[in-house]
Amino acid sequence: MDSADHAGAVFGALSDPTRRRLLATIADRPAATATELASELPISRQAVIKHLSALADAGLLDRQRSGREVRYRVTPAPLSDAVSWMTEVGGQWDERLETLRRGLGTAEPHHRDPAR
């Protein structure tokens, strides 16, 4: 899987607000279990497990079995890879826009007024 595919998996997993909330909670409190996390959300434990699986499948979480429970920890590398991909693509667009600006003979970048 190339970096764009990894980034796509990360963005897909983070597209859900519940997953983002779970990831933030686990980042603040490593080794949380699905039962602990479900007690803080208005969804079932089974729904939490489904969301945790999506995050783990994207590589954002590591699962460790501890007796009967599974504990979750954030794995930051895939998120860093996605940010790197965004930076790379953003740089490419900056170059393209600069080329376009020069081609149009505009002296300075035009910033659109957000109030309009």
N, C-alpha and C. Protein backbone atom coordinates (compact mmCIF):
# COMPACT_ATOMS: atom_id res chain seq x y z
N MET A 1 0.85 -1.18 0.00
CA MET A 1 0.00 0.00 0.00
C MET A 1 0.90 1.24 0.00
N ASP A 2 0.68 2.17 -0.96
CA ASP A 2 1.50 3.37 -1.02
C ASP A 2 0.98 4.42 -0.03
N SER A 3 1.72 5.54 0.05
CA SER A 3 1.37 6.55 1.06
C SER A 3 -0.01 7.15 0.83
N ALA A 4 -0.43 7.29 -0.44
CA ALA A 4 -1.77 7.83 -0.71
C ALA A 4 -2.84 6.86 -0.23
N ASP A 5 -2.61 5.55 -0.39
CA ASP A 5 -3.56 4.55 0.10
C ASP A 5 -3.63 4.57 1.62
N HIS A 6 -2.46 4.69 2.27
CA HIS A 6 -2.44 4.78 3.74
C HIS A 6 -3.18 6.03 4.19
N ALA A 7 -2.92 7.14 3.51
CA ALA A 7 -3.59 8.39 3.87
C ALA A 7 -5.09 8.24 3.69
N GLY A 8 -5.52 7.59 2.62
CA GLY A 8 -6.95 7.37 2.39
C GLY A 8 -7.59 6.57 3.50
N ALA A 9 -6.89 5.54 3.97
CA ALA A 9 -7.41 4.72 5.08
C ALA A 9 -7.53 5.56 6.35
N VAL A 10 -6.53 6.40 6.59
CA VAL A 10 -6.55 7.26 7.78
C VAL A 10 -7.70 8.27 7.68
N PHE A 11 -7.81 8.93 6.52
CA PHE A 11 -8.88 9.92 6.35
C PHE A 11 -10.25 9.26 6.45
N GLY A 12 -10.39 8.07 5.91
CA GLY A 12 -11.65 7.34 6.00
C GLY A 12 -12.01 7.04 7.45
N ALA A 13 -11.02 6.59 8.21
CA ALA A 13 -11.28 6.27 9.61
C ALA A 13 -11.62 7.52 10.41
N LEU A 14 -10.97 8.63 10.07
CA LEU A 14 -11.19 9.88 10.82
C LEU A 14 -12.39 10.67 10.33
N SER A 15 -13.08 10.17 9.31
CA SER A 15 -14.23 10.90 8.78
C SER A 15 -15.43 10.86 9.72
N ASP A 16 -15.39 9.95 10.68
CA ASP A 16 -16.51 9.81 11.62
C ASP A 16 -16.18 10.54 12.92
N PRO A 17 -17.07 11.43 13.40
CA PRO A 17 -16.80 12.18 14.62
C PRO A 17 -16.64 11.29 15.86
N THR A 18 -17.35 10.18 15.91
CA THR A 18 -17.21 9.28 17.06
C THR A 18 -15.81 8.68 17.08
N ARG A 19 -15.29 8.33 15.92
CA ARG A 19 -13.94 7.77 15.86
C ARG A 19 -12.90 8.81 16.27
N ARG A 20 -13.11 10.05 15.83
CA ARG A 20 -12.17 11.11 16.23
C ARG A 20 -12.20 11.30 17.74
N ARG A 21 -13.39 11.24 18.31
CA ARG A 21 -13.51 11.39 19.77
C ARG A 21 -12.84 10.22 20.49
N LEU A 22 -13.04 9.01 19.97
CA LEU A 22 -12.39 7.85 20.57
C LEU A 22 -10.87 7.96 20.50
N LEU A 23 -10.35 8.37 19.35
CA LEU A 23 -8.91 8.51 19.18
C LEU A 23 -8.35 9.54 20.15
N ALA A 24 -9.03 10.67 20.30
CA ALA A 24 -8.58 11.70 21.24
C ALA A 24 -8.62 11.19 22.67
N THR A 25 -9.64 10.45 23.02
CA THR A 25 -9.76 9.91 24.38
C THR A 25 -8.64 8.92 24.67
N ILE A 26 -8.36 8.05 23.71
CA ILE A 26 -7.30 7.05 23.90
C ILE A 26 -5.93 7.73 23.94
N ALA A 27 -5.75 8.81 23.18
CA ALA A 27 -4.48 9.54 23.23
C ALA A 27 -4.26 10.14 24.62
N ASP A 28 -5.35 10.60 25.24
CA ASP A 28 -5.26 11.17 26.59
C ASP A 28 -5.15 10.09 27.67
N ARG A 29 -5.72 8.94 27.38
CA ARG A 29 -5.76 7.87 28.38
C ARG A 29 -5.39 6.54 27.72
N PRO A 30 -4.09 6.32 27.49
CA PRO A 30 -3.66 5.07 26.85
C PRO A 30 -4.10 3.85 27.64
N ALA A 31 -4.23 2.75 26.92
CA ALA A 31 -4.60 1.45 27.50
C ALA A 31 -6.05 1.39 27.93
N ALA A 32 -6.89 2.22 27.34
CA ALA A 32 -8.33 2.18 27.63
C ALA A 32 -8.93 0.93 26.99
N THR A 33 -9.99 0.44 27.60
CA THR A 33 -10.71 -0.71 27.05
C THR A 33 -12.01 -0.23 26.39
N ALA A 34 -12.59 -1.07 25.57
CA ALA A 34 -13.85 -0.73 24.93
C ALA A 34 -14.94 -0.47 25.97
N THR A 35 -14.95 -1.24 27.03
CA THR A 35 -15.95 -1.05 28.10
C THR A 35 -15.79 0.32 28.74
N GLU A 36 -14.55 0.71 29.04
CA GLU A 36 -14.31 2.04 29.63
C GLU A 36 -14.73 3.14 28.67
N LEU A 37 -14.40 2.98 27.41
CA LEU A 37 -14.74 4.00 26.41
C LEU A 37 -16.25 4.09 26.20
N ALA A 38 -16.93 2.95 26.18
CA ALA A 38 -18.39 2.94 25.97
C ALA A 38 -19.12 3.61 27.12
N SER A 39 -18.56 3.56 28.31
CA SER A 39 -19.23 4.19 29.45
C SER A 39 -19.28 5.71 29.32
N GLU A 40 -18.45 6.27 28.44
CA GLU A 40 -18.40 7.72 28.26
C GLU A 40 -19.16 8.20 27.02
N LEU A 41 -19.72 7.26 26.27
CA LEU A 41 -20.40 7.63 25.01
C LEU A 41 -21.85 7.15 25.02
N PRO A 42 -22.69 7.82 24.25
CA PRO A 42 -24.10 7.41 24.18
C PRO A 42 -24.35 6.29 23.17
N ILE A 43 -23.37 5.41 23.00
CA ILE A 43 -23.52 4.28 22.08
C ILE A 43 -23.14 3.00 22.81
N SER A 44 -23.52 1.88 22.24
CA SER A 44 -23.26 0.59 22.89
C SER A 44 -21.79 0.21 22.83
N ARG A 45 -21.41 -0.71 23.68
CA ARG A 45 -20.05 -1.24 23.68
C ARG A 45 -19.73 -1.86 22.33
N GLN A 46 -20.72 -2.56 21.74
CA GLN A 46 -20.50 -3.20 20.44
C GLN A 46 -20.24 -2.15 19.36
N ALA A 47 -20.93 -1.03 19.41
CA ALA A 47 -20.69 0.05 18.45
C ALA A 47 -19.30 0.65 18.64
N VAL A 48 -18.88 0.79 19.90
CA VAL A 48 -17.53 1.28 20.19
C VAL A 48 -16.50 0.33 19.60
N ILE A 49 -16.70 -0.96 19.78
CA ILE A 49 -15.76 -1.95 19.24
C ILE A 49 -15.68 -1.84 17.71
N LYS A 50 -16.80 -1.62 17.07
CA LYS A 50 -16.80 -1.46 15.61
C LYS A 50 -15.97 -0.24 15.21
N HIS A 51 -16.14 0.87 15.90
CA HIS A 51 -15.36 2.07 15.61
C HIS A 51 -13.87 1.85 15.90
N LEU A 52 -13.57 1.17 17.00
CA LEU A 52 -12.17 0.89 17.34
C LEU A 52 -11.53 0.00 16.28
N SER A 53 -12.28 -0.94 15.76
CA SER A 53 -11.76 -1.81 14.70
C SER A 53 -11.43 -1.01 13.45
N ALA A 54 -12.28 -0.06 13.10
CA ALA A 54 -12.02 0.79 11.93
C ALA A 54 -10.74 1.60 12.13
N LEU A 55 -10.55 2.13 13.33
CA LEU A 55 -9.34 2.88 13.63
C LEU A 55 -8.11 1.98 13.60
N ALA A 56 -8.24 0.78 14.15
CA ALA A 56 -7.12 -0.17 14.15
C ALA A 56 -6.80 -0.64 12.74
N ASP A 57 -7.83 -0.87 11.92
CA ASP A 57 -7.61 -1.29 10.53
C ASP A 57 -6.86 -0.23 9.73
N ALA A 58 -7.05 1.04 10.08
CA ALA A 58 -6.34 2.13 9.42
C ALA A 58 -4.94 2.31 10.00
N GLY A 59 -4.61 1.51 11.01
CA GLY A 59 -3.29 1.58 11.63
C GLY A 59 -3.16 2.62 12.71
N LEU A 60 -4.26 3.26 13.10
CA LEU A 60 -4.22 4.33 14.08
C LEU A 60 -4.20 3.85 15.53
N LEU A 61 -4.58 2.59 15.74
CA LEU A 61 -4.60 2.02 17.08
C LEU A 61 -3.86 0.69 17.09
N ASP A 62 -3.27 0.42 18.23
CA ASP A 62 -2.66 -0.88 18.49
C ASP A 62 -3.51 -1.56 19.56
N ARG A 63 -3.78 -2.85 19.37
CA ARG A 63 -4.59 -3.61 20.33
C ARG A 63 -3.69 -4.57 21.10
N GLN A 64 -3.86 -4.59 22.42
CA GLN A 64 -3.12 -5.51 23.29
C GLN A 64 -4.11 -6.23 24.18
N ARG A 65 -4.09 -7.55 24.10
CA ARG A 65 -4.98 -8.32 24.96
C ARG A 65 -4.39 -8.35 26.37
N SER A 66 -5.26 -8.09 27.37
CA SER A 66 -4.88 -8.11 28.78
C SER A 66 -5.95 -8.89 29.51
N GLY A 67 -5.73 -10.20 29.65
CA GLY A 67 -6.75 -11.06 30.25
C GLY A 67 -7.94 -11.14 29.32
N ARG A 68 -9.11 -10.80 29.81
CA ARG A 68 -10.32 -10.85 28.99
C ARG A 68 -10.57 -9.57 28.22
N GLU A 69 -9.83 -8.53 28.54
CA GLU A 69 -10.03 -7.22 27.91
C GLU A 69 -8.98 -6.98 26.82
N VAL A 70 -9.33 -6.11 25.90
CA VAL A 70 -8.39 -5.63 24.89
C VAL A 70 -8.15 -4.16 25.21
N ARG A 71 -6.89 -3.80 25.30
CA ARG A 71 -6.52 -2.41 25.59
C ARG A 71 -6.01 -1.76 24.31
N TYR A 72 -6.34 -0.49 24.14
CA TYR A 72 -6.02 0.23 22.91
C TYR A 72 -5.04 1.36 23.19
N ARG A 73 -4.10 1.53 22.26
CA ARG A 73 -3.13 2.61 22.31
C ARG A 73 -3.07 3.26 20.92
N VAL A 74 -2.83 4.56 20.91
CA VAL A 74 -2.71 5.28 19.64
C VAL A 74 -1.37 4.96 18.99
N THR A 75 -1.40 4.75 17.69
CA THR A 75 -0.20 4.55 16.89
C THR A 75 -0.08 5.79 16.01
N PRO A 76 0.82 6.71 16.32
CA PRO A 76 0.84 8.00 15.63
C PRO A 76 1.42 7.98 14.21
N ALA A 77 2.19 6.98 13.84
CA ALA A 77 2.87 6.99 12.54
C ALA A 77 1.91 7.16 11.35
N PRO A 78 0.79 6.44 11.27
CA PRO A 78 -0.10 6.64 10.12
C PRO A 78 -0.66 8.05 10.03
N LEU A 79 -0.92 8.67 11.15
CA LEU A 79 -1.41 10.04 11.13
C LEU A 79 -0.32 10.98 10.62
N SER A 80 0.91 10.75 11.04
CA SER A 80 2.04 11.55 10.54
C SER A 80 2.22 11.36 9.05
N ASP A 81 2.06 10.12 8.58
CA ASP A 81 2.16 9.84 7.15
C ASP A 81 1.08 10.59 6.37
N ALA A 82 -0.13 10.63 6.91
CA ALA A 82 -1.23 11.34 6.24
C ALA A 82 -0.95 12.84 6.19
N VAL A 83 -0.41 13.39 7.26
CA VAL A 83 -0.06 14.81 7.29
C VAL A 83 1.05 15.09 6.27
N SER A 84 2.02 14.20 6.18
CA SER A 84 3.10 14.36 5.19
C SER A 84 2.54 14.34 3.78
N TRP A 85 1.60 13.44 3.54
CA TRP A 85 0.99 13.37 2.21
C TRP A 85 0.25 14.67 1.90
N MET A 86 -0.49 15.19 2.87
CA MET A 86 -1.22 16.45 2.66
C MET A 86 -0.24 17.59 2.38
N THR A 87 0.88 17.62 3.08
CA THR A 87 1.89 18.66 2.88
C THR A 87 2.47 18.56 1.47
N GLU A 88 2.76 17.34 1.04
CA GLU A 88 3.30 17.12 -0.31
C GLU A 88 2.31 17.58 -1.38
N VAL A 89 1.07 17.16 -1.25
CA VAL A 89 0.05 17.54 -2.23
C VAL A 89 -0.20 19.04 -2.18
N GLY A 90 -0.23 19.60 -1.00
CA GLY A 90 -0.40 21.05 -0.87
C GLY A 90 0.72 21.82 -1.54
N GLY A 91 1.94 21.33 -1.41
CA GLY A 91 3.09 21.95 -2.07
C GLY A 91 2.96 21.90 -3.58
N GLN A 92 2.48 20.77 -4.09
CA GLN A 92 2.28 20.64 -5.54
C GLN A 92 1.25 21.66 -6.03
N TRP A 93 0.18 21.83 -5.28
CA TRP A 93 -0.84 22.80 -5.68
C TRP A 93 -0.31 24.22 -5.57
N ASP A 94 0.50 24.49 -4.56
CA ASP A 94 1.10 25.82 -4.44
C ASP A 94 1.94 26.13 -5.68
N GLU A 95 2.72 25.14 -6.13
CA GLU A 95 3.55 25.32 -7.33
C GLU A 95 2.67 25.56 -8.56
N ARG A 96 1.62 24.79 -8.70
CA ARG A 96 0.73 24.96 -9.85
C ARG A 96 0.05 26.34 -9.84
N LEU A 97 -0.40 26.76 -8.69
CA LEU A 97 -1.05 28.06 -8.59
C LEU A 97 -0.07 29.20 -8.86
N GLU A 98 1.17 29.04 -8.41
CA GLU A 98 2.20 30.04 -8.67
C GLU A 98 2.49 30.13 -10.16
N THR A 99 2.57 28.98 -10.83
CA THR A 99 2.77 28.96 -12.28
C THR A 99 1.62 29.65 -12.99
N LEU A 100 0.42 29.37 -12.57
CA LEU A 100 -0.77 30.00 -13.14
C LEU A 100 -0.74 31.51 -12.91
N ARG A 101 -0.38 31.91 -11.72
CA ARG A 101 -0.31 33.34 -11.39
C ARG A 101 0.70 34.04 -12.29
N ARG A 102 1.87 33.42 -12.45
CA ARG A 102 2.88 34.02 -13.32
C ARG A 102 2.39 34.08 -14.76
N GLY A 103 1.72 33.02 -15.19
CA GLY A 103 1.19 32.98 -16.56
C GLY A 103 0.15 34.05 -16.82
N LEU A 104 -0.59 34.38 -15.80
CA LEU A 104 -1.61 35.43 -15.93
C LEU A 104 -1.04 36.82 -15.75
N GLY A 105 0.24 36.89 -15.34
CA GLY A 105 0.90 38.18 -15.16
C GLY A 105 0.48 38.92 -13.92
N THR A 106 -0.03 38.22 -12.93
CA THR A 106 -0.45 38.85 -11.69
C THR A 106 0.78 39.05 -10.81
N ALA A 107 0.96 40.27 -10.32
CA ALA A 107 2.14 40.58 -9.52
C ALA A 107 2.08 39.95 -8.14
N GLU A 108 0.92 39.93 -7.54
CA GLU A 108 0.81 39.38 -6.19
C GLU A 108 -0.36 38.42 -6.14
N PRO A 109 -0.26 37.44 -5.26
CA PRO A 109 -1.38 36.50 -5.12
C PRO A 109 -2.64 37.26 -4.70
N HIS A 110 -3.74 36.91 -5.31
CA HIS A 110 -5.03 37.54 -4.98
C HIS A 110 -5.71 36.70 -3.92
N HIS A 111 -6.06 37.32 -2.81
CA HIS A 111 -6.78 36.63 -1.75
C HIS A 111 -8.23 37.06 -1.80
N ARG A 112 -9.09 36.11 -1.90
CA ARG A 112 -10.53 36.38 -1.98
C ARG A 112 -11.03 36.87 -0.63
N ASP A 113 -11.86 37.89 -0.66
CA ASP A 113 -12.45 38.42 0.55
C ASP A 113 -13.54 37.46 1.03
N PRO A 114 -13.35 36.81 2.20
CA PRO A 114 -14.35 35.85 2.68
C PRO A 114 -15.69 36.48 3.01
N ALA A 115 -15.75 37.80 3.15
CA ALA A 115 -17.01 38.46 3.47
C ALA A 115 -17.90 38.61 2.23
N ARG A 116 -17.35 38.39 1.06
CA ARG A 116 -18.13 38.55 -0.19
C ARG A 116 -18.87 37.32 -0.53
